Structures are given as structure tokens and as C-alpha cells.
Amino acid sequence: MSSQATQLQENLNIINNNITLYTKSIKDKEDILDIAGVSYKTDRLTIQDYLQYEDDVVLEKSKLYKSEAERWQTLMKLAVIYGNNIEEIIK
């Protein structure tokens, strides 16, 4: 159990780092999307190119949400190992 808890804790650290990186990446991609929007409105960019930037933002958000779900799963596994009250952790 101790080795499993250690592994889960290491995974949690990696997941938290991923969440931080995805959050920063989303902000950067949204900034680029804003620029692409201006370029599209001034006819310097096609709709297909603009939609590709939108796709990038949505893809990055999906990665963030997946990492957040993995974080919660890992926290719940750790709670079970340590015998913590899951309801209190969620609150």
C-alpha cells in the first residue's frame, strides 16, 4: 500500500503540473485566436484557418478537463488508501 500511495502521489504531482501547463497554453491559444479573429475580419485569413485556431483552443481545453478528472480520480484513490472521508475532501 505504501508504494502504491507513493506512486499515486508522484502521479498527482505530474497531473498538477500538466494542469498548470494546459491552463497557460489555453490562455496563449485564446490570445492567438483573438488575433486570428481580427485577421479573419480584415480578410487576411480564411474561415478554415480561423476554425483551426478555434479547434486548437477546444483541444487544449479537453486536455485540461481530462487532467482535472485524472486529478480527482487520483485524489480519491489516495483517500481510500489513507482511509480519509471522501465526502469531506470533495467539500
Protein backbone atom coordinates (compact mmCIF):
# COMPACT_ATOMS: atom_id res chain seq x y z
CA MET A 1 0.00 0.00 0.00
CA SER A 2 2.82 2.38 0.81
CA SER A 3 4.44 2.00 -2.61
CA GLN A 4 1.09 2.44 -4.33
CA ALA A 5 0.43 5.61 -2.33
CA THR A 6 3.87 6.94 -3.23
CA GLN A 7 3.26 6.24 -6.91
CA LEU A 8 -0.14 7.93 -6.77
CA GLN A 9 1.41 10.96 -5.06
CA GLU A 10 4.04 11.21 -7.80
CA ASN A 11 1.31 10.90 -10.43
CA LEU A 12 -0.63 13.65 -8.68
CA ASN A 13 2.38 15.97 -8.88
CA ILE A 14 2.70 15.29 -12.61
CA ILE A 15 -1.03 15.83 -13.15
CA ASN A 16 -0.91 19.13 -11.25
CA ASN A 17 2.00 20.27 -13.44
CA ASN A 18 0.02 19.26 -16.54
CA ILE A 19 -2.97 21.28 -15.35
CA THR A 20 -0.76 24.33 -14.88
CA LEU A 21 0.75 23.93 -18.35
CA TYR A 22 -2.62 23.35 -20.03
CA THR A 23 -4.07 26.44 -18.33
CA LYS A 24 -1.19 28.58 -19.61
CA SER A 25 -1.45 27.02 -23.06
CA ILE A 26 -5.19 27.74 -23.24
CA LYS A 27 -4.59 31.39 -22.42
CA ASP A 28 -1.92 31.63 -25.10
CA LYS A 29 -4.10 29.90 -27.68
CA GLU A 30 -7.05 32.16 -26.83
CA ASP A 31 -4.80 35.19 -27.38
CA ILE A 32 -3.80 33.79 -30.77
CA LEU A 33 -7.46 33.11 -31.54
CA ASP A 34 -8.28 36.75 -30.84
CA ILE A 35 -5.57 37.81 -33.28
CA ALA A 36 -6.87 35.30 -35.83
CA GLY A 37 -10.35 36.76 -35.40
CA VAL A 38 -9.10 40.21 -36.30
CA SER A 39 -7.21 38.75 -39.27
CA TYR A 40 -10.35 36.97 -40.44
CA LYS A 41 -12.45 40.13 -40.16
CA THR A 42 -9.93 42.01 -42.29
CA ASP A 43 -9.89 39.22 -44.90
CA ARG A 44 -6.30 38.21 -44.19
CA LEU A 45 -7.31 34.76 -43.03
CA THR A 46 -9.73 32.19 -44.42
CA ILE A 47 -12.55 30.75 -42.36
CA GLN A 48 -10.84 27.35 -42.45
CA ASP A 49 -7.65 28.77 -40.97
CA TYR A 50 -9.62 30.63 -38.30
CA LEU A 51 -11.54 27.49 -37.39
CA GLN A 52 -8.24 25.63 -36.98
CA TYR A 53 -7.29 28.12 -34.25
CA GLU A 54 -10.66 27.53 -32.59
CA ASP A 55 -10.04 23.79 -32.80
CA ASP A 56 -6.70 24.24 -31.07
CA VAL A 57 -8.35 26.01 -28.15
CA VAL A 58 -11.05 23.36 -27.80
CA LEU A 59 -8.50 20.55 -27.97
CA GLU A 60 -6.37 22.16 -25.27
CA LYS A 61 -9.43 22.63 -23.05
CA SER A 62 -10.34 18.97 -23.46
CA LYS A 63 -6.82 18.01 -22.34
CA LEU A 64 -7.22 20.26 -19.30
CA TYR A 65 -10.57 18.72 -18.37
CA LYS A 66 -9.14 15.22 -18.78
CA SER A 67 -6.24 16.09 -16.47
CA GLU A 68 -8.65 17.53 -13.90
CA ALA A 69 -10.67 14.30 -13.99
CA GLU A 70 -7.47 12.27 -13.54
CA ARG A 71 -6.55 14.50 -10.60
CA TRP A 72 -9.85 13.78 -8.88
CA GLN A 73 -9.53 10.05 -9.54
CA THR A 74 -6.04 10.04 -8.07
CA LEU A 75 -7.17 12.02 -5.03
CA MET A 76 -10.00 9.55 -4.43
CA LYS A 77 -7.64 6.58 -4.70
CA LEU A 78 -5.32 8.23 -2.17
CA ALA A 79 -8.28 8.93 0.11
CA VAL A 80 -9.25 5.26 0.05
CA ILE A 81 -5.68 4.16 0.80
CA TYR A 82 -5.34 6.58 3.71
CA GLY A 83 -8.88 5.95 4.95
CA ASN A 84 -9.95 9.57 4.60
CA ASN A 85 -13.55 10.67 4.38
CA ILE A 86 -14.19 11.25 0.69
CA GLU A 87 -17.20 13.49 1.32
CA GLU A 88 -15.05 15.90 3.34
CA ILE A 89 -12.38 16.01 0.62
CA ILE A 90 -14.94 16.92 -2.02
CA LYS A 91 -16.39 19.73 0.12
